[in-house]
Amino acid sequence: MNNENMAVYPPYRLVAQFADGARLLFDGLTEAQAQQSMEAAQAQHGDIAWYDGVTDLHYENGKYYKLIPPPQEVTLIDLTEYTAPGTKPPATITKPAQTATPPAKATRPAGGVFLLFFA
């Protein structure tokens, strides 16, 4: 195994800019540990102007991407064309013949039915 190219990514990474203009990264096994390191650097660099969680290729808002749970799976079932057993299929909507004056109130067909299931 080649250890020269091995990268280590701690679970939490914060970035802060200080009064002296330095912008530094702070790593920790917990977010509190990273924040304590950042606050300790104030003695050398002055007050913290701003700080935030790092977002890059490996981090999302300060958390290592493999620690973030995957989004919920959504199953979508389209029942627009479904006809329940023992019922008649929906009537086909036909366009009325073109008249010189438009109808007083336009109507539109009802939309389809969609069900969402969360796993």
N, C-alpha and C. Protein backbone atom coordinates (compact mmCIF):
# COMPACT_ATOMS: atom_id res chain seq x y z
N MET A 1 0.84 -1.18 0.00
CA MET A 1 0.00 0.00 0.00
C MET A 1 0.89 1.24 0.00
N ASN A 2 0.58 2.19 -0.85
CA ASN A 2 1.37 3.41 -0.99
C ASN A 2 0.82 4.48 -0.04
N ASN A 3 1.54 4.78 1.04
CA ASN A 3 1.09 5.75 2.03
C ASN A 3 1.39 7.19 1.64
N GLU A 4 2.18 7.41 0.59
CA GLU A 4 2.53 8.76 0.18
C GLU A 4 1.33 9.53 -0.35
N ASN A 5 0.40 8.87 -1.02
CA ASN A 5 -0.75 9.53 -1.62
C ASN A 5 -2.03 9.40 -0.79
N MET A 6 -1.91 8.83 0.41
CA MET A 6 -3.08 8.62 1.24
C MET A 6 -3.50 9.94 1.89
N ALA A 7 -4.77 10.28 1.78
CA ALA A 7 -5.29 11.50 2.39
C ALA A 7 -6.16 11.13 3.58
N VAL A 8 -6.09 11.92 4.63
CA VAL A 8 -6.90 11.71 5.82
C VAL A 8 -7.87 12.87 5.92
N TYR A 9 -9.16 12.55 6.09
CA TYR A 9 -10.19 13.57 6.20
C TYR A 9 -10.85 13.47 7.57
N PRO A 10 -10.60 14.44 8.45
CA PRO A 10 -11.26 14.41 9.76
C PRO A 10 -12.76 14.64 9.61
N PRO A 11 -13.55 14.21 10.58
CA PRO A 11 -15.00 14.31 10.46
C PRO A 11 -15.53 15.73 10.33
N TYR A 12 -14.86 16.72 10.94
CA TYR A 12 -15.36 18.10 10.90
C TYR A 12 -14.25 19.05 10.50
N ARG A 13 -14.60 20.06 9.68
CA ARG A 13 -13.62 21.06 9.24
C ARG A 13 -14.32 22.41 9.16
N LEU A 14 -13.73 23.38 9.87
CA LEU A 14 -14.23 24.75 9.87
C LEU A 14 -13.20 25.67 9.23
N VAL A 15 -13.65 26.79 8.67
CA VAL A 15 -12.77 27.81 8.13
C VAL A 15 -13.11 29.12 8.83
N ALA A 16 -12.07 29.90 9.15
CA ALA A 16 -12.28 31.18 9.84
C ALA A 16 -11.32 32.22 9.30
N GLN A 17 -11.79 33.48 9.28
CA GLN A 17 -10.91 34.60 8.94
C GLN A 17 -10.77 35.46 10.18
N PHE A 18 -9.53 35.89 10.44
CA PHE A 18 -9.21 36.62 11.66
C PHE A 18 -8.94 38.09 11.36
N ALA A 19 -8.81 38.86 12.42
CA ALA A 19 -8.59 40.30 12.31
C ALA A 19 -7.31 40.64 11.55
N ASP A 20 -6.28 39.78 11.62
CA ASP A 20 -5.03 40.05 10.90
C ASP A 20 -5.09 39.64 9.43
N GLY A 21 -6.26 39.16 8.96
CA GLY A 21 -6.43 38.79 7.56
C GLY A 21 -6.16 37.32 7.27
N ALA A 22 -5.68 36.57 8.25
CA ALA A 22 -5.39 35.14 8.04
C ALA A 22 -6.71 34.37 7.91
N ARG A 23 -6.74 33.47 6.95
CA ARG A 23 -7.89 32.56 6.76
C ARG A 23 -7.36 31.15 6.95
N LEU A 24 -7.85 30.47 8.00
CA LEU A 24 -7.29 29.18 8.39
C LEU A 24 -8.37 28.11 8.49
N LEU A 25 -7.94 26.84 8.32
CA LEU A 25 -8.82 25.68 8.47
C LEU A 25 -8.58 25.04 9.82
N PHE A 26 -9.66 24.53 10.44
CA PHE A 26 -9.57 23.87 11.74
C PHE A 26 -10.31 22.54 11.67
N ASP A 27 -9.61 21.47 12.01
CA ASP A 27 -10.17 20.13 11.95
C ASP A 27 -10.43 19.59 13.35
N GLY A 28 -11.39 18.65 13.45
CA GLY A 28 -11.66 18.02 14.72
C GLY A 28 -12.43 16.74 14.56
N LEU A 29 -12.37 15.90 15.59
CA LEU A 29 -13.16 14.68 15.60
C LEU A 29 -14.62 14.99 15.90
N THR A 30 -14.86 16.15 16.54
CA THR A 30 -16.21 16.66 16.77
C THR A 30 -16.23 18.12 16.31
N GLU A 31 -17.42 18.65 16.10
CA GLU A 31 -17.52 20.05 15.69
C GLU A 31 -17.04 20.96 16.82
N ALA A 32 -17.31 20.58 18.07
CA ALA A 32 -16.87 21.37 19.22
C ALA A 32 -15.34 21.40 19.30
N GLN A 33 -14.70 20.30 18.98
CA GLN A 33 -13.23 20.25 19.02
C GLN A 33 -12.64 21.19 17.96
N ALA A 34 -13.22 21.21 16.77
CA ALA A 34 -12.75 22.11 15.72
C ALA A 34 -12.98 23.56 16.12
N GLN A 35 -14.11 23.84 16.77
CA GLN A 35 -14.41 25.20 17.19
C GLN A 35 -13.46 25.65 18.31
N GLN A 36 -13.11 24.76 19.21
CA GLN A 36 -12.17 25.10 20.28
C GLN A 36 -10.79 25.46 19.70
N SER A 37 -10.36 24.70 18.69
CA SER A 37 -9.08 25.00 18.05
C SER A 37 -9.13 26.37 17.38
N MET A 38 -10.26 26.67 16.76
CA MET A 38 -10.43 27.95 16.08
C MET A 38 -10.39 29.10 17.11
N GLU A 39 -11.07 28.93 18.23
CA GLU A 39 -11.10 29.97 19.26
C GLU A 39 -9.72 30.15 19.90
N ALA A 40 -8.95 29.09 20.01
CA ALA A 40 -7.61 29.18 20.58
C ALA A 40 -6.68 29.98 19.67
N ALA A 41 -6.93 29.98 18.37
CA ALA A 41 -6.08 30.71 17.42
C ALA A 41 -6.28 32.22 17.52
N GLN A 42 -7.32 32.66 18.23
CA GLN A 42 -7.55 34.10 18.39
C GLN A 42 -6.40 34.78 19.14
N ALA A 43 -5.72 34.04 20.01
CA ALA A 43 -4.60 34.61 20.77
C ALA A 43 -3.48 35.06 19.84
N GLN A 44 -3.30 34.34 18.72
CA GLN A 44 -2.23 34.68 17.79
C GLN A 44 -2.69 35.60 16.66
N HIS A 45 -3.95 35.44 16.19
CA HIS A 45 -4.40 36.15 14.99
C HIS A 45 -5.43 37.25 15.26
N GLY A 46 -5.87 37.43 16.49
CA GLY A 46 -6.88 38.46 16.78
C GLY A 46 -8.28 37.87 16.70
N ASP A 47 -9.28 38.74 16.80
CA ASP A 47 -10.67 38.30 16.81
C ASP A 47 -11.07 37.62 15.50
N ILE A 48 -12.07 36.75 15.59
CA ILE A 48 -12.60 36.06 14.41
C ILE A 48 -13.56 37.01 13.71
N ALA A 49 -13.30 37.30 12.43
CA ALA A 49 -14.19 38.15 11.64
C ALA A 49 -15.41 37.34 11.22
N TRP A 50 -15.20 36.11 10.78
CA TRP A 50 -16.29 35.20 10.40
C TRP A 50 -15.76 33.78 10.40
N TYR A 51 -16.68 32.83 10.52
CA TYR A 51 -16.32 31.42 10.38
C TYR A 51 -17.51 30.66 9.83
N ASP A 52 -17.24 29.50 9.24
CA ASP A 52 -18.30 28.68 8.65
C ASP A 52 -17.76 27.26 8.47
N GLY A 53 -18.66 26.34 8.21
CA GLY A 53 -18.25 24.98 7.88
C GLY A 53 -17.76 24.94 6.44
N VAL A 54 -16.73 24.17 6.20
CA VAL A 54 -16.15 24.06 4.85
C VAL A 54 -17.11 23.29 3.94
N THR A 55 -17.27 23.77 2.72
CA THR A 55 -18.01 23.04 1.68
C THR A 55 -17.09 22.94 0.47
N ASP A 56 -16.70 21.72 0.16
CA ASP A 56 -15.84 21.48 -1.00
C ASP A 56 -16.10 20.06 -1.49
N LEU A 57 -15.12 19.47 -2.17
CA LEU A 57 -15.28 18.13 -2.73
C LEU A 57 -15.54 17.08 -1.67
N HIS A 58 -15.00 17.25 -0.46
CA HIS A 58 -15.10 16.23 0.58
C HIS A 58 -15.99 16.62 1.75
N TYR A 59 -16.37 17.89 1.85
CA TYR A 59 -17.15 18.37 3.00
C TYR A 59 -18.40 19.11 2.54
N GLU A 60 -19.45 18.98 3.36
CA GLU A 60 -20.68 19.74 3.13
C GLU A 60 -21.04 20.42 4.44
N ASN A 61 -20.91 21.74 4.45
CA ASN A 61 -21.18 22.57 5.62
C ASN A 61 -20.40 22.07 6.85
N GLY A 62 -19.15 21.72 6.65
CA GLY A 62 -18.27 21.34 7.74
C GLY A 62 -18.24 19.87 8.10
N LYS A 63 -19.14 19.06 7.53
CA LYS A 63 -19.17 17.63 7.84
C LYS A 63 -18.61 16.84 6.67
N TYR A 64 -17.80 15.83 6.99
CA TYR A 64 -17.27 14.95 5.96
C TYR A 64 -18.44 14.27 5.26
N TYR A 65 -18.44 14.24 3.92
CA TYR A 65 -19.61 13.83 3.16
C TYR A 65 -20.09 12.41 3.46
N LYS A 66 -19.19 11.52 3.91
CA LYS A 66 -19.62 10.15 4.19
C LYS A 66 -20.38 10.05 5.52
N LEU A 67 -20.34 11.10 6.34
CA LEU A 67 -21.10 11.12 7.59
C LEU A 67 -22.54 11.57 7.39
N ILE A 68 -22.84 12.17 6.23
CA ILE A 68 -24.18 12.70 5.98
C ILE A 68 -25.06 11.56 5.46
N PRO A 69 -26.20 11.30 6.10
CA PRO A 69 -27.05 10.20 5.65
C PRO A 69 -27.63 10.48 4.26
N PRO A 70 -27.89 9.43 3.48
CA PRO A 70 -28.46 9.65 2.14
C PRO A 70 -29.89 10.18 2.26
N PRO A 71 -30.36 10.89 1.24
CA PRO A 71 -31.73 11.40 1.29
C PRO A 71 -32.73 10.26 1.24
N GLN A 72 -33.95 10.53 1.73
CA GLN A 72 -34.98 9.51 1.70
C GLN A 72 -35.33 9.15 0.26
N GLU A 73 -35.65 7.88 0.05
CA GLU A 73 -36.07 7.43 -1.27
C GLU A 73 -37.56 7.72 -1.42
N VAL A 74 -37.94 8.30 -2.56
CA VAL A 74 -39.33 8.63 -2.82
C VAL A 74 -39.80 7.78 -4.00
N THR A 75 -40.88 7.05 -3.79
CA THR A 75 -41.47 6.25 -4.86
C THR A 75 -42.69 6.99 -5.38
N LEU A 76 -42.76 7.21 -6.67
CA LEU A 76 -43.86 7.95 -7.28
C LEU A 76 -44.67 6.99 -8.15
N ILE A 77 -45.97 6.94 -7.91
CA ILE A 77 -46.86 6.09 -8.69
C ILE A 77 -47.86 6.99 -9.41
N ASP A 78 -47.89 6.90 -10.72
CA ASP A 78 -48.80 7.72 -11.53
C ASP A 78 -50.09 6.93 -11.75
N LEU A 79 -51.19 7.42 -11.19
CA LEU A 79 -52.48 6.75 -11.32
C LEU A 79 -53.41 7.49 -12.28
N THR A 80 -52.85 8.29 -13.15
CA THR A 80 -53.67 9.06 -14.07
C THR A 80 -54.54 8.16 -14.95
N GLU A 81 -53.99 7.08 -15.45
CA GLU A 81 -54.72 6.19 -16.36
C GLU A 81 -55.36 5.01 -15.64
N TYR A 82 -55.30 4.95 -14.32
CA TYR A 82 -55.81 3.81 -13.56
C TYR A 82 -57.33 3.84 -13.50
N THR A 83 -57.93 2.68 -13.72
CA THR A 83 -59.37 2.51 -13.57
C THR A 83 -59.58 1.42 -12.52
N ALA A 84 -60.29 1.76 -11.46
CA ALA A 84 -60.53 0.80 -10.39
C ALA A 84 -61.41 -0.33 -10.90
N PRO A 85 -61.23 -1.55 -10.39
CA PRO A 85 -62.07 -2.67 -10.81
C PRO A 85 -63.55 -2.36 -10.51
N GLY A 86 -64.40 -2.68 -11.46
CA GLY A 86 -65.83 -2.48 -11.30
C GLY A 86 -66.30 -1.07 -11.62
N THR A 87 -65.43 -0.21 -12.13
CA THR A 87 -65.85 1.14 -12.50
C THR A 87 -65.64 1.34 -13.99
N LYS A 88 -66.33 2.34 -14.51
CA LYS A 88 -66.20 2.65 -15.93
C LYS A 88 -64.96 3.50 -16.15
N PRO A 89 -64.31 3.34 -17.29
CA PRO A 89 -63.18 4.22 -17.58
C PRO A 89 -63.68 5.66 -17.71
N PRO A 90 -62.83 6.64 -17.45
CA PRO A 90 -63.27 8.03 -17.56
C PRO A 90 -63.68 8.36 -18.98
N ALA A 91 -64.68 9.23 -19.07
CA ALA A 91 -65.18 9.64 -20.39
C ALA A 91 -64.10 10.44 -21.10
N THR A 92 -64.04 10.25 -22.41
CA THR A 92 -63.09 11.00 -23.20
C THR A 92 -63.62 12.41 -23.38
N ILE A 93 -62.77 13.37 -23.18
CA ILE A 93 -63.19 14.76 -23.32
C ILE A 93 -63.01 15.15 -24.78
N THR A 94 -64.06 15.64 -25.36
CA THR A 94 -63.99 16.08 -26.75
C THR A 94 -64.11 17.59 -26.80
N LYS A 95 -63.48 18.16 -27.76
CA LYS A 95 -63.52 19.60 -27.93
C LYS A 95 -64.82 19.99 -28.62
N PRO A 96 -65.52 20.99 -28.10
CA PRO A 96 -66.74 21.42 -28.79
C PRO A 96 -66.38 22.08 -30.11
N ALA A 97 -67.36 22.11 -30.98
CA ALA A 97 -67.14 22.74 -32.29
C ALA A 97 -66.81 24.21 -32.09
N GLN A 98 -65.97 24.73 -32.96
CA GLN A 98 -65.55 26.12 -32.86
C GLN A 98 -66.74 27.02 -33.16
N THR A 99 -67.00 27.98 -32.25
CA THR A 99 -68.09 28.93 -32.46
C THR A 99 -67.51 30.32 -32.56
N ALA A 100 -68.32 31.23 -33.04
CA ALA A 100 -67.86 32.60 -33.23
C ALA A 100 -67.62 33.28 -31.88
N THR A 101 -68.42 32.98 -30.87
CA THR A 101 -68.24 33.58 -29.55
C THR A 101 -67.75 32.51 -28.59
N PRO A 102 -66.79 32.82 -27.77
CA PRO A 102 -66.28 31.82 -26.82
C PRO A 102 -67.33 31.54 -25.74
N PRO A 103 -67.26 30.38 -25.11
CA PRO A 103 -68.21 30.08 -24.05
C PRO A 103 -68.02 31.06 -22.88
N ALA A 104 -69.09 31.23 -22.09
CA ALA A 104 -69.06 32.18 -20.99
C ALA A 104 -68.02 31.80 -19.95
N LYS A 105 -67.92 30.51 -19.61
CA LYS A 105 -66.96 30.06 -18.60
C LYS A 105 -66.20 28.85 -19.15
N ALA A 106 -64.90 28.98 -19.19
CA ALA A 106 -64.09 27.87 -19.69
C ALA A 106 -63.91 26.85 -18.56
N THR A 107 -63.93 25.58 -18.91
CA THR A 107 -63.71 24.53 -17.93
C THR A 107 -62.51 23.71 -18.37
N ARG A 108 -61.92 23.05 -17.44
CA ARG A 108 -60.78 22.20 -17.78
C ARG A 108 -60.94 20.86 -17.08
N PRO A 109 -60.38 19.82 -17.63
CA PRO A 109 -60.52 18.50 -17.01
C PRO A 109 -59.72 18.43 -15.70
N ALA A 110 -60.15 17.56 -14.82
CA ALA A 110 -59.45 17.36 -13.56
C ALA A 110 -58.09 16.74 -13.81
N GLY A 111 -57.11 17.08 -12.98
CA GLY A 111 -55.76 16.56 -13.14
C GLY A 111 -55.65 15.12 -12.67
N GLY A 112 -54.47 14.53 -12.87
CA GLY A 112 -54.22 13.16 -12.48
C GLY A 112 -54.01 13.03 -10.98
N VAL A 113 -53.93 11.82 -10.52
CA VAL A 113 -53.73 11.53 -9.11
C VAL A 113 -52.33 10.95 -8.94
N PHE A 114 -51.57 11.47 -7.97
CA PHE A 114 -50.22 10.98 -7.71
C PHE A 114 -50.13 10.61 -6.23
N LEU A 115 -49.50 9.48 -5.96
CA LEU A 115 -49.27 9.05 -4.59
C LEU A 115 -47.79 9.06 -4.32
N LEU A 116 -47.37 9.51 -3.15
CA LEU A 116 -45.97 9.49 -2.75
C LEU A 116 -45.80 8.56 -1.57
N PHE A 117 -44.81 7.71 -1.65
CA PHE A 117 -44.48 6.79 -0.56
C PHE A 117 -43.05 7.06 -0.14
N PHE A 118 -42.81 7.23 1.14
CA PHE A 118 -41.46 7.43 1.66
C PHE A 118 -40.98 6.14 2.29
N ALA A 119 -39.81 5.71 1.88
CA ALA A 119 -39.25 4.47 2.42
C ALA A 119 -38.60 4.71 3.74
